[in-house]
PDB file of N, CA and C in Angstrom:
ATOM      1  N   MET A   1     190.682  92.827  87.490  1.00  0.00           N
ATOM      2  CA  MET A   1     190.586  93.989  88.338  1.00  0.00           C
ATOM      3  C   MET A   1     189.292  93.883  89.146  1.00  0.00           C
ATOM      4  N   HIS A   2     189.370  94.057  90.460  1.00  0.00           N
ATOM      5  CA  HIS A   2     188.200  93.933  91.311  1.00  0.00           C
ATOM      6  C   HIS A   2     187.877  95.270  91.945  1.00  0.00           C
ATOM      7  N   PHE A   3     186.619  95.530  92.103  1.00  0.00           N
ATOM      8  CA  PHE A   3     186.179  96.780  92.705  1.00  0.00           C
ATOM      9  C   PHE A   3     185.394  96.459  93.962  1.00  0.00           C
ATOM     10  N   ARG A   4     185.819  97.049  95.058  1.00  0.00           N
ATOM     11  CA  ARG A   4     185.274  96.757  96.370  1.00  0.00           C
ATOM     12  C   ARG A   4     183.759  96.914  96.421  1.00  0.00           C
ATOM     13  N   GLY A   5     183.218  97.993  95.873  1.00  0.00           N
ATOM     14  CA  GLY A   5     181.779  98.247  95.945  1.00  0.00           C
ATOM     15  C   GLY A   5     180.960  97.180  95.262  1.00  0.00           C
ATOM     16  N   LEU A   6     181.347  96.795  94.065  1.00  0.00           N
ATOM     17  CA  LEU A   6     180.606  95.787  93.309  1.00  0.00           C
ATOM     18  C   LEU A   6     180.657  94.442  94.011  1.00  0.00           C
ATOM     19  N   HIS A   7     181.819  94.050  94.473  1.00  0.00           N
ATOM     20  CA  HIS A   7     181.960  92.760  95.131  1.00  0.00           C
ATOM     21  C   HIS A   7     181.308  92.763  96.510  1.00  0.00           C
ATOM     22  N   LEU A   8     181.320  93.894  97.191  1.00  0.00           N
ATOM     23  CA  LEU A   8     180.638  93.997  98.473  1.00  0.00           C
ATOM     24  C   LEU A   8     179.137  93.835  98.271  1.00  0.00           C
ATOM     25  N   LEU A   9     178.590  94.513  97.263  1.00  0.00           N
ATOM     26  CA  LEU A   9     177.167  94.392  96.959  1.00  0.00           C
ATOM     27  C   LEU A   9     176.812  92.947  96.637  1.00  0.00           C
ATOM     28  N   LYS A  10     177.618  92.312  95.826  1.00  0.00           N
ATOM     29  CA  LYS A  10     177.387  90.917  95.455  1.00  0.00           C
ATOM     30  C   LYS A  10     177.415  90.030  96.698  1.00  0.00           C
ATOM     31  N   SER A  11     178.375  90.249  97.583  1.00  0.00           N
ATOM     32  CA  SER A  11     178.485  89.450  98.802  1.00  0.00           C
ATOM     33  C   SER A  11     177.275  89.632  99.714  1.00  0.00           C
ATOM     34  N   VAL A  12     176.813  90.863  99.834  1.00  0.00           N
ATOM     35  CA  VAL A  12     175.651  91.139 100.678  1.00  0.00           C
ATOM     36  C   VAL A  12     174.415  90.451 100.111  1.00  0.00           C
ATOM     37  N   LEU A  13     174.215  90.556  98.799  1.00  0.00           N
ATOM     38  CA  LEU A  13     173.056  89.922  98.172  1.00  0.00           C
ATOM     39  C   LEU A  13     173.110  88.400  98.315  1.00  0.00           C
ATOM     40  N   GLU A  14     174.290  87.811  98.153  1.00  0.00           N
ATOM     41  CA  GLU A  14     174.439  86.369  98.322  1.00  0.00           C
ATOM     42  C   GLU A  14     174.154  85.961  99.767  1.00  0.00           C
ATOM     43  N   TYR A  15     174.620  86.754 100.721  1.00  0.00           N
ATOM     44  CA  TYR A  15     174.386  86.459 102.125  1.00  0.00           C
ATOM     45  C   TYR A  15     172.890  86.461 102.433  1.00  0.00           C
ATOM     46  N   ILE A  16     172.195  87.497 101.973  1.00  0.00           N
ATOM     47  CA  ILE A  16     170.756  87.584 102.217  1.00  0.00           C
ATOM     48  C   ILE A  16     170.047  86.396 101.574  1.00  0.00           C
ATOM     49  N   HIS A  17     170.429  86.086 100.358  1.00  0.00           N
ATOM     50  CA  HIS A  17     169.814  84.961  99.649  1.00  0.00           C
ATOM     51  C   HIS A  17     170.022  83.656 100.422  1.00  0.00           C
ATOM     52  N   ASN A  18     171.215  83.417 100.871  1.00  0.00           N
ATOM     53  CA  ASN A  18     171.507  82.187 101.601  1.00  0.00           C
ATOM     54  C   ASN A  18     170.794  82.136 102.946  1.00  0.00           C
ATOM     55  N   GLN A  19     170.634  83.273 103.600  1.00  0.00           N
ATOM     56  CA  GLN A  19     169.957  83.304 104.885  1.00  0.00           C
ATOM     57  C   GLN A  19     168.459  83.041 104.732  1.00  0.00           C
ATOM     58  N   LYS A  20     167.875  83.562 103.696  1.00  0.00           N
ATOM     59  CA  LYS A  20     166.437  83.408 103.478  1.00  0.00           C
ATOM     60  C   LYS A  20     166.100  82.101 102.766  1.00  0.00           C
ATOM     61  N   ARG A  21     167.098  81.539 102.062  1.00  0.00           N
ATOM     62  CA  ARG A  21     166.914  80.315 101.269  1.00  0.00           C
ATOM     63  C   ARG A  21     165.762  80.463 100.285  1.00  0.00           C
ATOM     64  N   GLY A  22     165.741  81.601  99.646  1.00  0.00           N
ATOM     65  CA  GLY A  22     164.715  81.874  98.646  1.00  0.00           C
ATOM     66  C   GLY A  22     165.090  83.109  97.864  1.00  0.00           C
ATOM     67  N   ALA A  23     164.140  83.644  97.172  1.00  0.00           N
ATOM     68  CA  ALA A  23     164.400  84.813  96.328  1.00  0.00           C
ATOM     69  C   ALA A  23     164.659  86.050  97.180  1.00  0.00           C
ATOM     70  N   ILE A  24     165.517  86.883  96.680  1.00  0.00           N
ATOM     71  CA  ILE A  24     165.794  88.157  97.335  1.00  0.00           C
ATOM     72  C   ILE A  24     164.673  89.114  96.966  1.00  0.00           C
ATOM     73  N   VAL A  25     164.063  89.718  97.967  1.00  0.00           N
ATOM     74  CA  VAL A  25     162.972  90.649  97.711  1.00  0.00           C
ATOM     75  C   VAL A  25     163.447  92.046  98.056  1.00  0.00           C
ATOM     76  N   MET A  26     163.367  92.927  97.094  1.00  0.00           N
ATOM     77  CA  MET A  26     163.730  94.319  97.319  1.00  0.00           C
ATOM     78  C   MET A  26     162.433  95.128  97.286  1.00  0.00           C
ATOM     79  N   LEU A  27     162.174  95.923  98.310  1.00  0.00           N
ATOM     80  CA  LEU A  27     160.954  96.701  98.357  1.00  0.00           C
ATOM     81  C   LEU A  27     161.066  97.956  97.498  1.00  0.00           C
ATOM     82  N   LYS A  28     159.979  98.312  96.868  1.00  0.00           N
ATOM     83  CA  LYS A  28     159.944  99.498  96.022  1.00  0.00           C
ATOM     84  C   LYS A  28     159.764 100.733  96.899  1.00  0.00           C
ATOM     85  N   SER A  29     160.529 101.749  96.620  1.00  0.00           N
ATOM     86  CA  SER A  29     160.446 102.991  97.365  1.00  0.00           C
ATOM     87  C   SER A  29     159.136 103.695  97.043  1.00  0.00           C
ATOM     88  N   PRO A  30     158.399 104.182  98.051  1.00  0.00           N
ATOM     89  CA  PRO A  30     157.133 104.864  97.772  1.00  0.00           C
ATOM     90  C   PRO A  30     157.320 106.189  97.042  1.00  0.00           C
ATOM     91  N   LYS A  31     158.515 106.788  97.120  1.00  0.00           N
ATOM     92  CA  LYS A  31     158.774 108.066  96.464  1.00  0.00           C
ATOM     93  C   LYS A  31     159.108 107.908  94.993  1.00  0.00           C
ATOM     94  N   SER A  32     159.523 106.727  94.586  1.00  0.00           N
ATOM     95  CA  SER A  32     159.993 106.529  93.226  1.00  0.00           C
ATOM     96  C   SER A  32     159.229 105.396  92.547  1.00  0.00           C
ATOM     97  N   PRO A  33     158.386 105.729  91.560  1.00  0.00           N
ATOM     98  CA  PRO A  33     157.632 104.675  90.886  1.00  0.00           C
ATOM     99  C   PRO A  33     158.478 103.885  89.887  1.00  0.00           C
ATOM    100  N   VAL A  34     159.676 104.357  89.612  1.00  0.00           N
ATOM    101  CA  VAL A  34     160.545 103.701  88.636  1.00  0.00           C
ATOM    102  C   VAL A  34     161.653 102.955  89.369  1.00  0.00           C
ATOM    103  N   LYS A  35     161.983 101.756  88.843  1.00  0.00           N
ATOM    104  CA  LYS A  35     163.139 101.053  89.372  1.00  0.00           C
ATOM    105  C   LYS A  35     163.918 100.472  88.199  1.00  0.00           C
ATOM    106  N   PHE A  36     165.214 100.342  88.401  1.00  0.00           N
ATOM    107  CA  PHE A  36     166.115  99.794  87.392  1.00  0.00           C
ATOM    108  C   PHE A  36     166.587  98.436  87.887  1.00  0.00           C
ATOM    109  N   VAL A  37     166.281  97.397  87.129  1.00  0.00           N
ATOM    110  CA  VAL A  37     166.689  96.041  87.470  1.00  0.00           C
ATOM    111  C   VAL A  37     167.928  95.721  86.638  1.00  0.00           C
ATOM    112  N   ILE A  38     169.056  95.486  87.310  1.00  0.00           N
ATOM    113  CA  ILE A  38     170.330  95.238  86.646  1.00  0.00           C
ATOM    114  C   ILE A  38     170.700  93.774  86.878  1.00  0.00           C
ATOM    115  N   THR A  39     170.885  93.045  85.785  1.00  0.00           N
ATOM    116  CA  THR A  39     171.263  91.633  85.849  1.00  0.00           C
ATOM    117  C   THR A  39     172.642  91.489  85.226  1.00  0.00           C
ATOM    118  N   VAL A  40     173.550  90.826  85.940  1.00  0.00           N
ATOM    119  CA  VAL A  40     174.944  90.712  85.501  1.00  0.00           C
ATOM    120  C   VAL A  40     175.344  89.240  85.435  1.00  0.00           C
ATOM    121  N   THR A  41     176.014  88.861  84.350  1.00  0.00           N
ATOM    122  CA  THR A  41     176.563  87.509  84.203  1.00  0.00           C
ATOM    123  C   THR A  41     178.082  87.599  84.282  1.00  0.00           C
ATOM    124  N   MET A  42     178.665  86.794  85.191  1.00  0.00           N
ATOM    125  CA  MET A  42     180.103  86.791  85.408  1.00  0.00           C
ATOM    126  C   MET A  42     180.750  85.650  84.612  1.00  0.00           C
ATOM    127  N   GLU A  43     182.059  85.745  84.383  1.00  0.00           N
ATOM    128  CA  GLU A  43     182.813  84.707  83.664  1.00  0.00           C
ATOM    129  C   GLU A  43     182.642  83.332  84.290  1.00  0.00           C
ATOM    130  N   CYS A  44     182.566  83.274  85.594  1.00  0.00           N
ATOM    131  CA  CYS A  44     182.463  81.997  86.310  1.00  0.00           C
ATOM    132  C   CYS A  44     181.082  81.363  86.197  1.00  0.00           C
ATOM    133  N   GLY A  45     180.148  82.066  85.561  1.00  0.00           N
ATOM    134  CA  GLY A  45     178.803  81.542  85.377  1.00  0.00           C
ATOM    135  C   GLY A  45     177.774  82.075  86.359  1.00  0.00           C
ATOM    136  N   GLU A  46     178.235  82.798  87.372  1.00  0.00           N
ATOM    137  CA  GLU A  46     177.297  83.375  88.332  1.00  0.00           C
ATOM    138  C   GLU A  46     176.460  84.451  87.656  1.00  0.00           C
ATOM    139  N   ILE A  47     175.197  84.511  88.030  1.00  0.00           N
ATOM    140  CA  ILE A  47     174.303  85.558  87.559  1.00  0.00           C
ATOM    141  C   ILE A  47     173.714  86.204  88.802  1.00  0.00           C
ATOM    142  N   TRP A  48     173.795  87.519  88.872  1.00  0.00           N
ATOM    143  CA  TRP A  48     173.224  88.206  90.018  1.00  0.00           C
ATOM    144  C   TRP A  48     172.404  89.387  89.548  1.00  0.00           C
ATOM    145  N   GLU A  49     171.515  89.831  90.422  1.00  0.00           N
ATOM    146  CA  GLU A  49     170.597  90.912  90.083  1.00  0.00           C
ATOM    147  C   GLU A  49     170.551  91.907  91.230  1.00  0.00           C
ATOM    148  N   THR A  50     170.459  93.164  90.887  1.00  0.00           N
ATOM    149  CA  THR A  50     170.296  94.208  91.886  1.00  0.00           C
ATOM    150  C   THR A  50     169.291  95.217  91.357  1.00  0.00           C
ATOM    151  N   ILE A  51     168.646  95.918  92.252  1.00  0.00           N
ATOM    152  CA  ILE A  51     167.638  96.914  91.883  1.00  0.00           C
ATOM    153  C   ILE A  51     168.072  98.267  92.416  1.00  0.00           C
ATOM    154  N   ARG A  52     167.959  99.278  91.581  1.00  0.00           N
ATOM    155  CA  ARG A  52     168.229 100.660  91.977  1.00  0.00           C
ATOM    156  C   ARG A  52     166.990 101.487  91.677  1.00  0.00           C
ATOM    157  N   HIS A  53     166.678 102.419  92.556  1.00  0.00           N
ATOM    158  CA  HIS A  53     165.468 103.217  92.416  1.00  0.00           C
ATOM    159  C   HIS A  53     165.725 104.609  91.857  1.00  0.00           C
ATOM    160  N   THR A  54     166.979 104.912  91.579  1.00  0.00           N
ATOM    161  CA  THR A  54     167.308 106.209  90.985  1.00  0.00           C
ATOM    162  C   THR A  54     168.225 106.000  89.786  1.00  0.00           C
ATOM    163  N   LYS A  55     168.188 106.948  88.869  1.00  0.00           N
ATOM    164  CA  LYS A  55     169.065 106.880  87.705  1.00  0.00           C
ATOM    165  C   LYS A  55     170.529 106.981  88.142  1.00  0.00           C
ATOM    166  N   ALA A  56     170.799 107.833  89.116  1.00  0.00           N
ATOM    167  CA  ALA A  56     172.174 107.985  89.605  1.00  0.00           C
ATOM    168  C   ALA A  56     172.681 106.676  90.226  1.00  0.00           C
ATOM    169  N   GLY A  57     171.821 105.987  90.974  1.00  0.00           N
ATOM    170  CA  GLY A  57     172.201 104.711  91.561  1.00  0.00           C
ATOM    171  C   GLY A  57     172.475 103.660  90.499  1.00  0.00           C
ATOM    172  N   MET A  58     171.635 103.639  89.460  1.00  0.00           N
ATOM    173  CA  MET A  58     171.828 102.703  88.365  1.00  0.00           C
ATOM    174  C   MET A  58     173.129 103.001  87.643  1.00  0.00           C
ATOM    175  N   GLN A  59     173.403 104.257  87.386  1.00  0.00           N
ATOM    176  CA  GLN A  59     174.635 104.639  86.688  1.00  0.00           C
ATOM    177  C   GLN A  59     175.876 104.249  87.482  1.00  0.00           C
ATOM    178  N   ALA A  60     175.824 104.387  88.799  1.00  0.00           N
ATOM    179  CA  ALA A  60     176.971 104.012  89.639  1.00  0.00           C
ATOM    180  C   ALA A  60     177.255 102.512  89.529  1.00  0.00           C
ATOM    181  N   VAL A  61     176.203 101.697  89.535  1.00  0.00           N
ATOM    182  CA  VAL A  61     176.396 100.248  89.409  1.00  0.00           C
ATOM    183  C   VAL A  61     176.955  99.914  88.032  1.00  0.00           C
ATOM    184  N   ILE A  62     176.426 100.533  86.984  1.00  0.00           N
ATOM    185  CA  ILE A  62     176.874 100.244  85.624  1.00  0.00           C
ATOM    186  C   ILE A  62     178.339 100.649  85.433  1.00  0.00           C
ATOM    187  N   GLU A  63     178.764 101.736  86.039  1.00  0.00           N
ATOM    188  CA  GLU A  63     180.175 102.130  85.965  1.00  0.00           C
ATOM    189  C   GLU A  63     181.065 101.028  86.542  1.00  0.00           C
ATOM    190  N   ASP A  64     180.661 100.457  87.684  1.00  0.00           N
ATOM    191  CA  ASP A  64     181.432  99.363  88.287  1.00  0.00           C
ATOM    192  C   ASP A  64     181.395  98.111  87.411  1.00  0.00           C
ATOM    193  N   VAL A  65     180.241  97.821  86.842  1.00  0.00           N
ATOM    194  CA  VAL A  65     180.088  96.648  85.975  1.00  0.00           C
ATOM    195  C   VAL A  65     180.986  96.775  84.748  1.00  0.00           C
ATOM    196  N   LEU A  66     180.986  97.939  84.121  1.00  0.00           N
ATOM    197  CA  LEU A  66     181.804  98.144  82.925  1.00  0.00           C
ATOM    198  C   LEU A  66     183.298  98.061  83.222  1.00  0.00           C
ATOM    199  N   ALA A  67     183.681  98.407  84.436  1.00  0.00           N
ATOM    200  CA  ALA A  67     185.099  98.392  84.799  1.00  0.00           C
ATOM    201  C   ALA A  67     185.576  97.008  85.256  1.00  0.00           C
ATOM    202  N   ASP A  68     184.647  96.100  85.530  1.00  0.00           N
ATOM    203  CA  ASP A  68     185.007  94.783  86.038  1.00  0.00           C
ATOM    204  C   ASP A  68     185.247  93.824  84.869  1.00  0.00           C
ATOM    205  N   ALA A  69     186.466  93.341  84.720  1.00  0.00           N
ATOM    206  CA  ALA A  69     186.843  92.469  83.602  1.00  0.00           C
ATOM    207  C   ALA A  69     186.168  91.095  83.682  1.00  0.00           C
ATOM    208  N   ALA A  70     185.666  90.695  84.841  1.00  0.00           N
ATOM    209  CA  ALA A  70     185.028  89.385  84.999  1.00  0.00           C
ATOM    210  C   ALA A  70     183.576  89.362  84.518  1.00  0.00           C
ATOM    211  N   VAL A  71     183.027  90.529  84.186  1.00  0.00           N
ATOM    212  CA  VAL A  71     181.648  90.603  83.695  1.00  0.00           C
ATOM    213  C   VAL A  71     181.633  90.293  82.203  1.00  0.00           C
ATOM    214  N   ILE A  72     180.771  89.347  81.805  1.00  0.00           N
ATOM    215  CA  ILE A  72     180.698  89.038  80.374  1.00  0.00           C
ATOM    216  C   ILE A  72     179.457  89.647  79.727  1.00  0.00           C
ATOM    217  N   SER A  73     178.402  89.901  80.506  1.00  0.00           N
ATOM    218  CA  SER A  73     177.228  90.572  79.958  1.00  0.00           C
ATOM    219  C   SER A  73     176.393  91.154  81.091  1.00  0.00           C
ATOM    220  N   PHE A  74     175.550  92.113  80.731  1.00  0.00           N
ATOM    221  CA  PHE A  74     174.631  92.681  81.699  1.00  0.00           C
ATOM    222  C   PHE A  74     173.431  93.266  80.967  1.00  0.00           C
ATOM    223  N   THR A  75     172.326  93.380  81.678  1.00  0.00           N
ATOM    224  CA  THR A  75     171.129  94.028  81.156  1.00  0.00           C
ATOM    225  C   THR A  75     170.623  95.011  82.182  1.00  0.00           C
ATOM    226  N   VAL A  76     169.952  96.046  81.702  1.00  0.00           N
ATOM    227  CA  VAL A  76     169.292  97.010  82.572  1.00  0.00           C
ATOM    228  C   VAL A  76     167.860  97.122  82.073  1.00  0.00           C
ATOM    229  N   GLU A  77     166.918  96.883  82.967  1.00  0.00           N
ATOM    230  CA  GLU A  77     165.503  96.985  82.620  1.00  0.00           C
ATOM    231  C   GLU A  77     164.870  98.049  83.493  1.00  0.00           C
ATOM    232  N   GLU A  78     164.205  99.001  82.873  1.00  0.00           N
ATOM    233  CA  GLU A  78     163.495 100.038  83.621  1.00  0.00           C
ATOM    234  C   GLU A  78     162.060  99.587  83.815  1.00  0.00           C
ATOM    235  N   ARG A  79     161.627  99.503  85.076  1.00  0.00           N
ATOM    236  CA  ARG A  79     160.263  99.088  85.384  1.00  0.00           C
ATOM    237  C   ARG A  79     159.531 100.203  86.101  1.00  0.00           C
ATOM    238  N   VAL A  80     158.269 100.356  85.780  1.00  0.00           N
ATOM    239  CA  VAL A  80     157.442 101.385  86.430  1.00  0.00           C
ATOM    240  C   VAL A  80     156.482 100.726  87.372  1.00  0.00           C
TER     241      VAL A  80
END
């Protein structure tokens, strides 16, 4: 089962990574000192990471991750 939002996010992150030919840099929001770093491992071996600056944003990503059958593991790290 595939979810458009999760795969769209993954595609955008891959595109940026390929264009820059280096690490993806996400800027920290000045309003939010906390960020959630979400790392996902897919069945095919791909590992991707995304950052959310709100709890609601993190929860939305995790809902998509939990619903995606191709995900074999994920971590969420809260950083200040």
